[in-house]
Each structure stands twice: as C-alpha cells, then as structure tokens.
Amino acid sequence: MNCYSSVVRRSGLKVALLAVVSRGSYAQRPPASPPPRQEQKGQASSPLAATSVARVDRIFTDLMSREHIPGLAVAIARNGLVGWDKAYGQADLENQVPATSRTLFRIGSITKAITVVAILQLAERGAINLHASVDRYVPAFPRKRFPVTVTGLLSGTSGIRGYAGDEYRSNHHYPSLAASLEIFRDDSLAYEPGTSYFETPFGFTLLGLSLQAVTGLSYEDYLSRNVFARAHMVDTRAEVPAQIEPKRAKTYTRDSTGTVRQSYAIDPSYKVPAGGLLSTAPDVARFGAALIDGALLNPGSYARMNKPVHLQNGSDLPIGMGVALGSAGGRLPGSADALWATGLQQGGTAVLLMYPRDRIAVAILTNVNGEAGADGFGLLTRIAAAAEATAVQLGHLSSHR
C-alpha cells in the first residue's frame, strides 16, 4: 500500500469497450536492451560533488538516528547513470549483518509503477487495448455490473475492492498469480468505475494476468526481458519467502515510540504485480532514470502514465498511473516537476523521487515500516523529505529556480 489509498467518491458514466488486439510474440523476440553503462559507486564524483557528499551523508545519518531505522540504502542517478550510492545500518540486527548497496529490500508499491510500464509497453506494440474490458484477457474474471477496463485498473478507478479484514497480513502462499484470483474474483465492485480513486493490489493482479495472457511469459520473465534489461537492473526479482536469498534484508516494524521489532511474516505471492518485488537502491534509481530518459516507454505512453487521473465529475487528481505528481496535493515534498513512486508494507518503506527535466532520480529503501497507519505514513513522508533534500544537493534544480 502507498500513501494514496484513500477513496474519493464521484458521480460518473460508463466506459466504452473497444476491440482487443491479437496476442504478441514476446517469448520469441524480446526487445534488445541497450549496451552496458559505466557507473561510479559510492564515490564523491559526478553527479555528486565532494562538498555535497558530506551533506547528503548527514541527511541519512540523522534520518537513521531520528527515525530508528535499522537499515537503509540510497542511490542517486543523474543523466542516466547511478553516480553515488551508499548503505547505512544493518540488514540483519540479530546477526549484525551490515546493509550494502546490494542488499535486497521490499519496494512495495513501487512495483506498481514497474507493472504500469510493462502494460503500456504492450499497448505500444498492439498486444493490449487499454480501453478493453479486462475479462477479454482474463476470462476467469467474471464480468461485473460495470465494465472493468485496463485503463481503469492502471489509474486506480476500476471499482475493484481493496483489502478486507486481515488480507493485508496474508501469509498464505499462492502457487501462481492465477490462483490468487480467488481472493476477489466473485466480489461485487466497490464503486462505479471512474467515479472514485482507490488504490488496490487486486487490480494489479488482473494486470499481471493480462500481461501473461498476451505474451505467453510469466510476469517475472516479461519484466526481466523488457524492463529490467532495458533499465540495467541487475538484482530485482520477485520475493519468494521460502527461498534462500543471501542478500535479502530482515524486515522490521517500528512503533510510535521508536521501538523496533521483527515484522510479522507475510507472503506477497497474491500481489506480486502490486507489491511483491525485492530490489536494491541502485536498481530502483536505474528504473527511475530509464523511465524519465525514455528508455522504457515512447513519449506518448510516458505522457499517459504521468497524466493526472480524471474522474467523471470533472476533477483531476495529483496522481498518474503508478506515480504521484508534483507534491501530490501537498502530501509530499517536491515541486510541480516531481514524480514519485512510493512503497509501504510490512518490513519496508521505499521512495523513488524523479525530476524529469533535470534527469535526476533518487531511491531510498529501508527494512522497516511504521506500526500504525498514521505512523507508517509519517515515516514515509519523512523519508520522502530526505529524498527531496538529497535531490537539492545535486545543484540548483530547474524546478526550484
């Protein structure tokens, strides 16, 4: 879940359905990835001047101490390259394992931005019709009172319900994404599509299943070939709790007094396209850099992703597809030029801040979440503020002039 999972009730109209285009051939001909790039790691070199390194370092040592964060990693990309990254604290408190730049953290809803990119890529290639009803791609999902379109799923206006009861704490392992459809498949829509915004992981389950249907690849395989390779992401993968991952951070929860304990166990197999990825700070920064530099989407798709969500009563929200825009209505720091992707789940708080005009991306990943809802959001916003302060240290941003 990220910081925008609130309901905004609106009046509306039905969304028209368009025809579905035919299945693509991505298993046979994956797009070629760009050649490898040289990056500087953990050094006081471009894009971070030596005088700025100490200031950035102070931002994070202070944040770690003030917020009682066990482990944190940060990476900064500018002009398409990660020019500086560093880790702080412990990936494992009990065994005193230091966090490193290769430590794998839960990235939560940043995964949604990655899924959005994948679906928009397929739309570019004619494999998915964004205006089509999702049951055309996922026949196991029954038709509802109103059409549930791919665009509605991408924009958080589909009507699909959110978590019920303790579903957010699920530790049940689903052997496939299709198996997790049973959680919400037969439920009625929570609202008429297009009349509200409500962020839900289950809409992204349908997007992941749609991707698999038109490509013949698993969700993870498609991302590896078409997103991770293009963005030079070398460590990102789906989380499998039972699998041994030597670089995976232990997960913790912090209460409002700052007391840190182990987070309760969850299995994200039911929501992989919404919040089931593990990644490193450099990989997340690379994703942000590739997104704003046009390595992942064509200009039309990129503009669609960053267009404010429009509700049927005529209002526009400071949210795009998988990203927040500007200061997100005052809920985040940053200027009108900023793009945000954030993640908040058990044992992880993550922030990706992007300034497209300045070609800057800052990624901050931690292995802790706030225990209560308000405390969790407060921790996320303070980490977001650290990302903004870090971006400022890169120089006089055009969006700050």
Protein backbone atom coordinates (compact mmCIF):
# COMPACT_ATOMS: atom_id res chain seq x y z
CA MET A 1 0.00 0.00 0.00
CA ASN A 2 1.28 3.51 -0.61
CA CYS A 3 0.23 6.91 0.62
CA TYR A 4 -2.65 7.42 -1.80
CA SER A 5 -5.00 4.61 -0.80
CA SER A 6 -7.96 6.84 0.06
CA VAL A 7 -11.40 6.82 -1.52
CA VAL A 8 -12.77 9.82 -3.38
CA ARG A 9 -16.43 9.22 -4.25
CA ARG A 10 -17.62 10.75 -7.52
CA SER A 11 -20.52 10.61 -10.00
CA GLY A 12 -19.81 9.02 -13.36
CA LEU A 13 -20.59 7.36 -16.66
CA LYS A 14 -19.78 4.04 -18.25
CA VAL A 15 -16.50 3.49 -20.09
CA ALA A 16 -16.86 2.25 -23.68
CA LEU A 17 -15.24 -1.01 -24.71
CA LEU A 18 -13.00 -1.30 -27.74
CA ALA A 19 -11.87 -4.41 -29.56
CA VAL A 20 -8.95 -6.49 -28.33
CA VAL A 21 -5.88 -6.86 -30.48
CA SER A 22 -4.11 -10.13 -31.05
CA ARG A 23 -1.50 -11.84 -28.94
CA GLY A 24 2.12 -10.71 -29.30
CA SER A 25 5.28 -12.75 -29.79
CA TYR A 26 7.44 -11.60 -26.88
CA ALA A 27 8.69 -15.06 -25.95
CA GLN A 28 10.33 -15.33 -29.37
CA ARG A 29 11.59 -11.79 -29.99
CA PRO A 30 12.26 -9.82 -26.80
CA PRO A 31 13.39 -6.25 -27.47
CA ALA A 32 17.12 -5.71 -27.42
CA SER A 33 18.49 -3.93 -24.36
CA PRO A 34 20.94 -1.02 -24.55
CA PRO A 35 24.66 -1.70 -24.06
CA PRO A 36 26.04 -1.73 -20.50
CA ARG A 37 26.95 1.59 -18.96
CA GLN A 38 29.75 2.58 -16.62
CA GLU A 39 28.76 3.81 -13.18
CA GLN A 40 30.66 5.15 -10.22
CA LYS A 41 29.79 3.52 -6.92
CA GLY A 42 30.00 5.13 -3.51
CA GLN A 43 32.38 7.84 -4.68
CA ALA A 44 32.45 11.62 -4.36
CA SER A 45 32.25 12.07 -8.12
CA SER A 46 29.76 13.30 -10.68
CA PRO A 47 26.86 13.81 -10.23
CA LEU A 48 27.63 14.49 -6.56
CA ALA A 49 30.42 16.97 -5.85
CA ALA A 50 32.70 16.26 -2.90
CA THR A 51 31.21 19.14 -0.91
CA SER A 52 27.73 17.69 -1.34
CA VAL A 53 28.67 14.17 -0.26
CA ALA A 54 29.12 15.17 3.38
CA ARG A 55 25.79 16.99 3.35
CA VAL A 56 23.96 14.03 1.84
CA ASP A 57 25.68 11.69 4.28
CA ARG A 58 24.49 13.86 7.16
CA ILE A 59 20.92 13.75 5.86
CA PHE A 60 20.89 9.98 6.17
CA THR A 61 22.83 9.54 9.39
CA ASP A 62 20.42 11.99 11.01
CA LEU A 63 17.40 10.24 9.47
CA MET A 64 18.60 6.82 10.69
CA SER A 65 19.07 8.05 14.23
CA ARG A 66 15.92 10.15 14.44
CA GLU A 67 13.59 7.54 12.92
CA HIS A 68 15.17 4.40 14.45
CA ILE A 69 15.68 2.80 11.04
CA PRO A 70 17.64 -0.48 11.21
CA GLY A 71 18.96 -0.43 7.63
CA LEU A 72 18.78 1.94 4.69
CA ALA A 73 20.27 2.24 1.21
CA VAL A 74 20.24 5.26 -1.08
CA ALA A 75 21.23 5.70 -4.72
CA ILE A 76 21.31 8.82 -6.87
CA ALA A 77 21.14 8.79 -10.66
CA ARG A 78 21.70 11.78 -12.87
CA ASN A 79 21.86 11.92 -16.66
CA GLY A 80 21.05 8.23 -16.88
CA LEU A 81 23.74 6.89 -14.54
CA VAL A 82 23.92 6.00 -10.87
CA GLY A 83 26.70 8.29 -9.73
CA TRP A 84 26.56 7.73 -5.98
CA ASP A 85 25.12 5.13 -3.64
CA LYS A 86 25.62 4.19 -0.03
CA ALA A 87 24.10 1.94 2.63
CA TYR A 88 23.66 2.61 6.33
CA GLY A 89 22.92 0.47 9.37
CA GLN A 90 22.06 -3.21 9.48
CA ALA A 91 20.34 -5.54 7.05
CA ASP A 92 20.03 -8.01 9.97
CA LEU A 93 20.08 -6.67 13.51
CA GLU A 94 20.34 -10.01 15.31
CA ASN A 95 23.32 -11.22 13.33
CA GLN A 96 24.86 -7.76 12.83
CA VAL A 97 24.92 -8.01 9.04
CA PRO A 98 25.57 -4.55 7.57
CA ALA A 99 23.36 -3.20 4.83
CA THR A 100 25.11 -2.73 1.49
CA SER A 101 24.21 -1.34 -1.90
CA ARG A 102 23.39 -4.91 -3.00
CA THR A 103 21.02 -5.55 -0.09
CA LEU A 104 17.55 -6.57 -1.29
CA PHE A 105 14.68 -4.62 0.26
CA ARG A 106 10.93 -4.82 -0.20
CA ILE A 107 9.89 -1.99 -2.51
CA GLY A 108 6.12 -2.27 -2.01
CA SER A 109 4.01 -0.20 -4.38
CA ILE A 110 6.99 0.97 -6.43
CA THR A 111 6.28 -2.39 -8.06
CA LYS A 112 3.05 -0.87 -9.43
CA ALA A 113 4.97 1.71 -11.44
CA ILE A 114 7.01 -1.13 -12.95
CA THR A 115 3.83 -3.02 -13.82
CA VAL A 116 2.33 0.10 -15.41
CA VAL A 117 5.40 0.42 -17.62
CA ALA A 118 5.05 -3.21 -18.71
CA ILE A 119 1.37 -2.83 -19.64
CA LEU A 120 1.99 0.42 -21.53
CA GLN A 121 4.80 -1.28 -23.46
CA LEU A 122 2.33 -3.96 -24.53
CA ALA A 123 -0.16 -1.30 -25.55
CA GLU A 124 2.53 0.36 -27.68
CA ARG A 125 3.06 -2.94 -29.51
CA GLY A 126 -0.64 -3.53 -30.07
CA ALA A 127 -0.88 -6.51 -27.72
CA ILE A 128 -3.21 -4.86 -25.18
CA ASN A 129 -6.07 -2.48 -25.82
CA LEU A 130 -6.17 -0.07 -22.89
CA HIS A 131 -9.91 0.55 -23.36
CA ALA A 132 -10.83 -3.14 -23.44
CA SER A 133 -12.61 -4.92 -20.65
CA VAL A 134 -10.07 -6.93 -18.67
CA ASP A 135 -12.16 -10.10 -18.88
CA ARG A 136 -11.14 -10.27 -22.56
CA TYR A 137 -7.62 -11.08 -21.32
CA VAL A 138 -8.58 -12.82 -18.07
CA PRO A 139 -11.68 -14.92 -18.85
CA ALA A 140 -11.62 -16.36 -15.31
CA PHE A 141 -12.58 -12.91 -14.00
CA PRO A 142 -16.39 -12.64 -14.27
CA ARG A 143 -18.00 -9.61 -15.87
CA LYS A 144 -19.33 -7.13 -13.35
CA ARG A 145 -22.21 -4.69 -13.30
CA PHE A 146 -19.96 -2.12 -14.98
CA PRO A 147 -17.07 -2.81 -17.38
CA VAL A 148 -13.65 -3.06 -15.72
CA THR A 149 -11.19 -1.68 -18.27
CA VAL A 150 -7.43 -1.93 -18.44
CA THR A 151 -7.19 1.86 -18.17
CA GLY A 152 -9.36 1.78 -15.05
CA LEU A 153 -7.01 -0.74 -13.49
CA LEU A 154 -3.94 1.32 -14.37
CA SER A 155 -5.43 4.53 -12.99
CA GLY A 156 -6.94 3.15 -9.78
CA THR A 157 -10.51 3.95 -10.85
CA SER A 158 -11.70 0.44 -11.80
CA GLY A 159 -14.09 -0.20 -8.90
CA ILE A 160 -12.13 -3.26 -7.72
CA ARG A 161 -12.23 -3.50 -3.94
CA GLY A 162 -9.29 -3.10 -1.59
CA TYR A 163 -8.18 -5.22 1.35
CA ALA A 164 -10.87 -6.79 3.53
CA GLY A 165 -10.32 -7.99 7.09
CA ASP A 166 -6.76 -9.15 7.64
CA GLU A 167 -5.95 -9.85 3.96
CA TYR A 168 -3.13 -7.33 4.22
CA ARG A 169 -1.42 -9.73 6.64
CA SER A 170 -1.78 -12.79 4.41
CA ASN A 171 0.96 -15.38 4.79
CA HIS A 172 -0.67 -17.92 2.51
CA HIS A 173 1.43 -19.00 -0.44
CA TYR A 174 -0.30 -18.99 -3.82
CA PRO A 175 1.44 -21.23 -6.36
CA SER A 176 0.56 -18.86 -9.21
CA LEU A 177 -0.86 -15.42 -9.83
CA ALA A 178 -3.93 -17.08 -11.34
CA ALA A 179 -4.54 -18.95 -8.09
CA SER A 180 -4.70 -15.67 -6.15
CA LEU A 181 -7.64 -14.54 -8.27
CA GLU A 182 -9.90 -16.48 -5.90
CA ILE A 183 -9.45 -13.76 -3.26
CA PHE A 184 -11.63 -11.20 -5.04
CA ARG A 185 -12.88 -12.77 -8.28
CA ASP A 186 -16.51 -13.18 -7.22
CA ASP A 187 -16.87 -9.91 -5.29
CA SER A 188 -19.00 -7.03 -6.48
CA LEU A 189 -17.37 -3.76 -7.48
CA ALA A 190 -16.87 -1.34 -4.60
CA TYR A 191 -17.99 1.65 -6.70
CA GLU A 192 -18.86 2.57 -10.26
CA PRO A 193 -15.65 2.77 -12.30
CA GLY A 194 -14.43 6.29 -12.95
CA THR A 195 -16.28 7.84 -10.01
CA SER A 196 -13.57 7.33 -7.36
CA TYR A 197 -9.89 6.68 -6.91
CA PHE A 198 -8.98 3.75 -4.70
CA GLU A 199 -5.61 2.06 -4.79
CA THR A 200 -5.94 -1.70 -4.59
CA PRO A 201 -3.44 -4.52 -5.14
CA PHE A 202 -6.08 -6.71 -6.75
CA GLY A 203 -6.42 -4.55 -9.84
CA PHE A 204 -2.73 -5.14 -10.45
CA THR A 205 -3.26 -8.88 -10.14
CA LEU A 206 -5.57 -8.56 -13.16
CA LEU A 207 -2.94 -6.51 -15.00
CA GLY A 208 -0.30 -9.15 -14.31
CA LEU A 209 -2.61 -11.90 -15.55
CA SER A 210 -3.38 -9.85 -18.68
CA LEU A 211 0.34 -9.49 -19.36
CA GLN A 212 0.85 -13.23 -19.03
CA ALA A 213 -2.10 -13.97 -21.32
CA VAL A 214 -0.92 -11.84 -24.25
CA THR A 215 2.81 -12.60 -24.04
CA GLY A 216 2.91 -16.25 -23.04
CA LEU A 217 5.55 -15.33 -20.46
CA SER A 218 5.38 -15.25 -16.70
CA TYR A 219 5.14 -11.81 -15.13
CA GLU A 220 8.71 -12.08 -13.86
CA ASP A 221 10.11 -13.28 -17.20
CA TYR A 222 8.48 -10.44 -19.09
CA LEU A 223 9.90 -7.87 -16.66
CA SER A 224 13.36 -9.41 -16.85
CA ARG A 225 13.45 -9.17 -20.65
CA ASN A 226 11.60 -5.93 -21.26
CA VAL A 227 12.04 -3.72 -18.17
CA PHE A 228 14.97 -4.89 -16.05
CA ALA A 229 17.30 -5.48 -19.01
CA ARG A 230 16.50 -2.13 -20.59
CA ALA A 231 16.97 -0.28 -17.31
CA HIS A 232 20.15 -2.25 -16.41
CA MET A 233 18.50 -3.55 -13.22
CA VAL A 234 20.65 -6.49 -12.16
CA ASP A 235 19.25 -7.54 -8.78
CA THR A 236 15.48 -7.02 -8.88
CA ARG A 237 13.29 -10.11 -8.51
CA ALA A 238 10.01 -11.40 -7.13
CA GLU A 239 10.06 -12.21 -3.42
CA VAL A 240 9.66 -15.89 -2.53
CA PRO A 241 9.69 -16.08 1.30
CA ALA A 242 10.68 -19.76 1.43
CA GLN A 243 13.61 -19.24 -0.93
CA ILE A 244 17.11 -18.58 0.41
CA GLU A 245 18.18 -15.05 -0.57
CA PRO A 246 21.61 -14.31 0.92
CA LYS A 247 21.32 -10.56 0.25
CA ARG A 248 17.73 -10.13 1.50
CA ALA A 249 17.28 -7.74 4.41
CA LYS A 250 15.44 -8.90 7.52
CA THR A 251 12.21 -6.98 7.97
CA TYR A 252 11.26 -4.85 10.97
CA THR A 253 8.40 -2.76 12.32
CA ARG A 254 8.82 0.39 14.38
CA ASP A 255 6.18 1.69 16.77
CA SER A 256 5.47 5.35 17.56
CA THR A 257 7.99 5.31 20.44
CA GLY A 258 10.77 4.13 18.14
CA THR A 259 10.88 0.57 19.47
CA VAL A 260 11.89 -1.80 16.68
CA ARG A 261 10.77 -5.43 16.47
CA GLN A 262 10.61 -8.04 13.76
CA SER A 263 7.69 -7.57 11.39
CA TYR A 264 5.15 -10.34 11.15
CA ALA A 265 5.60 -12.77 8.29
CA ILE A 266 3.74 -12.22 5.04
CA ASP A 267 3.75 -13.94 1.67
CA PRO A 268 3.27 -11.46 -1.19
CA SER A 269 2.56 -14.19 -3.77
CA TYR A 270 -1.03 -12.92 -4.01
CA LYS A 271 0.06 -9.43 -5.12
CA VAL A 272 3.36 -9.74 -6.97
CA PRO A 273 2.48 -7.09 -9.64
CA ALA A 274 1.39 -4.67 -6.91
CA GLY A 275 3.96 -5.14 -4.18
CA GLY A 276 5.88 -8.38 -4.49
CA LEU A 277 9.31 -7.32 -5.74
CA LEU A 278 12.64 -7.13 -3.96
CA SER A 279 15.22 -4.67 -5.21
CA THR A 280 18.28 -2.62 -4.40
CA ALA A 281 18.57 1.16 -4.21
CA PRO A 282 20.80 1.35 -7.33
CA ASP A 283 18.32 -0.78 -9.30
CA VAL A 284 15.37 1.40 -8.29
CA ALA A 285 17.32 4.54 -9.21
CA ARG A 286 18.18 2.95 -12.56
CA PHE A 287 14.49 2.27 -13.16
CA GLY A 288 13.66 5.90 -12.42
CA ALA A 289 16.43 7.12 -14.70
CA ALA A 290 15.36 4.81 -17.53
CA LEU A 291 11.74 5.89 -17.17
CA ILE A 292 12.37 9.64 -17.34
CA ASP A 293 15.02 9.26 -20.07
CA GLY A 294 12.69 7.42 -22.44
CA ALA A 295 14.44 4.05 -22.36
CA LEU A 296 11.27 2.20 -21.33
CA LEU A 297 8.32 3.98 -22.96
CA ASN A 298 7.69 6.07 -26.03
CA PRO A 299 6.75 9.74 -25.43
CA GLY A 300 3.03 9.11 -25.81
CA SER A 301 2.98 6.30 -23.26
CA TYR A 302 5.16 8.27 -20.87
CA ALA A 303 2.76 11.21 -21.09
CA ARG A 304 -0.20 8.90 -20.49
CA MET A 305 1.47 7.47 -17.38
CA ASN A 306 2.04 10.96 -15.95
CA LYS A 307 -1.33 12.46 -16.85
CA PRO A 308 -3.50 13.33 -13.80
CA VAL A 309 -6.25 10.82 -13.10
CA HIS A 310 -9.51 12.33 -14.32
CA LEU A 311 -12.76 11.49 -12.54
CA GLN A 312 -16.18 11.63 -14.07
CA ASN A 313 -17.25 14.70 -12.12
CA GLY A 314 -14.54 16.65 -13.97
CA SER A 315 -11.91 16.75 -11.23
CA ASP A 316 -8.25 15.87 -11.80
CA LEU A 317 -6.19 14.18 -9.08
CA PRO A 318 -2.44 14.73 -8.48
CA ILE A 319 -1.84 11.09 -9.33
CA GLY A 320 -0.88 9.35 -12.56
CA MET A 321 -0.64 5.65 -13.37
CA GLY A 322 1.52 4.16 -10.63
CA VAL A 323 3.08 7.53 -9.74
CA ALA A 324 2.21 10.64 -7.76
CA LEU A 325 2.60 14.03 -9.40
CA GLY A 326 4.31 17.12 -8.01
CA SER A 327 3.67 17.43 -4.28
CA ALA A 328 0.62 15.13 -4.62
CA GLY A 329 -1.74 17.80 -3.39
CA GLY A 330 0.60 18.86 -0.60
CA ARG A 331 1.09 15.36 0.81
CA LEU A 332 4.71 15.07 -0.35
CA PRO A 333 7.62 17.48 -0.71
CA GLY A 334 8.82 18.47 -4.14
CA SER A 335 7.76 20.83 -6.88
CA ALA A 336 5.44 20.64 -9.86
CA ASP A 337 8.11 18.80 -11.85
CA ALA A 338 8.48 15.93 -9.39
CA LEU A 339 7.29 12.37 -9.95
CA TRP A 340 7.01 9.98 -7.04
CA ALA A 341 6.65 6.24 -6.59
CA THR A 342 6.41 5.05 -3.01
CA GLY A 343 6.08 1.76 -1.18
CA LEU A 344 4.87 1.00 2.32
CA GLN A 345 4.41 -2.57 3.51
CA GLN A 346 5.46 -4.89 6.31
CA GLY A 347 9.17 -4.52 6.85
CA GLY A 348 9.77 -1.95 4.17
CA THR A 349 9.37 1.74 3.34
CA ALA A 350 10.63 2.84 -0.05
CA VAL A 351 10.72 6.08 -2.03
CA LEU A 352 11.65 6.87 -5.63
CA LEU A 353 11.79 10.59 -6.47
CA MET A 354 12.27 11.68 -10.08
CA TYR A 355 12.90 15.11 -11.61
CA PRO A 356 12.48 14.55 -15.37
CA ARG A 357 13.71 17.98 -16.53
CA ASP A 358 16.90 17.63 -14.52
CA ARG A 359 17.25 13.89 -15.24
CA ILE A 360 17.60 13.13 -11.53
CA ALA A 361 16.32 10.04 -9.72
CA VAL A 362 16.79 9.37 -6.01
CA ALA A 363 15.93 5.98 -4.50
CA ILE A 364 15.77 5.29 -0.76
CA LEU A 365 14.96 1.82 0.56
CA THR A 366 14.62 0.72 4.19
CA ASN A 367 13.82 -2.50 6.04
CA VAL A 368 11.27 -1.01 8.44
CA ASN A 369 7.71 0.25 8.39
CA GLY A 370 5.68 2.25 10.90
CA GLU A 371 3.42 0.05 13.03
CA ALA A 372 0.23 2.09 12.82
CA GLY A 373 -1.24 3.65 9.70
CA ALA A 374 -0.51 7.25 10.68
CA ASP A 375 2.97 6.41 11.93
CA GLY A 376 3.69 4.46 8.75
CA PHE A 377 2.65 7.36 6.54
CA GLY A 378 4.60 9.79 8.70
CA LEU A 379 7.75 7.72 8.32
CA LEU A 380 7.22 7.55 4.57
CA THR A 381 6.82 11.32 4.23
CA ARG A 382 9.95 11.98 6.28
CA ILE A 383 11.93 9.60 4.08
CA ALA A 384 10.43 11.40 1.09
CA ALA A 385 11.67 14.69 2.54
CA ALA A 386 15.16 13.17 2.75
CA ALA A 387 14.91 12.24 -0.93
CA GLU A 388 13.96 15.82 -1.78
CA ALA A 389 16.83 17.22 0.28
CA THR A 390 19.20 14.84 -1.49
CA ALA A 391 17.99 15.99 -4.90
CA VAL A 392 18.58 19.61 -3.90
CA GLN A 393 22.20 18.77 -3.10
CA LEU A 394 22.72 17.85 -6.74
CA GLY A 395 22.57 21.53 -7.62
CA HIS A 396 20.04 24.20 -8.44
CA LEU A 397 17.21 22.21 -9.94
CA SER A 398 15.39 23.90 -12.77
CA SER A 399 12.18 23.18 -10.87
CA HIS A 400 13.50 25.14 -7.87
CA ARG A 401 14.57 28.24 -9.76
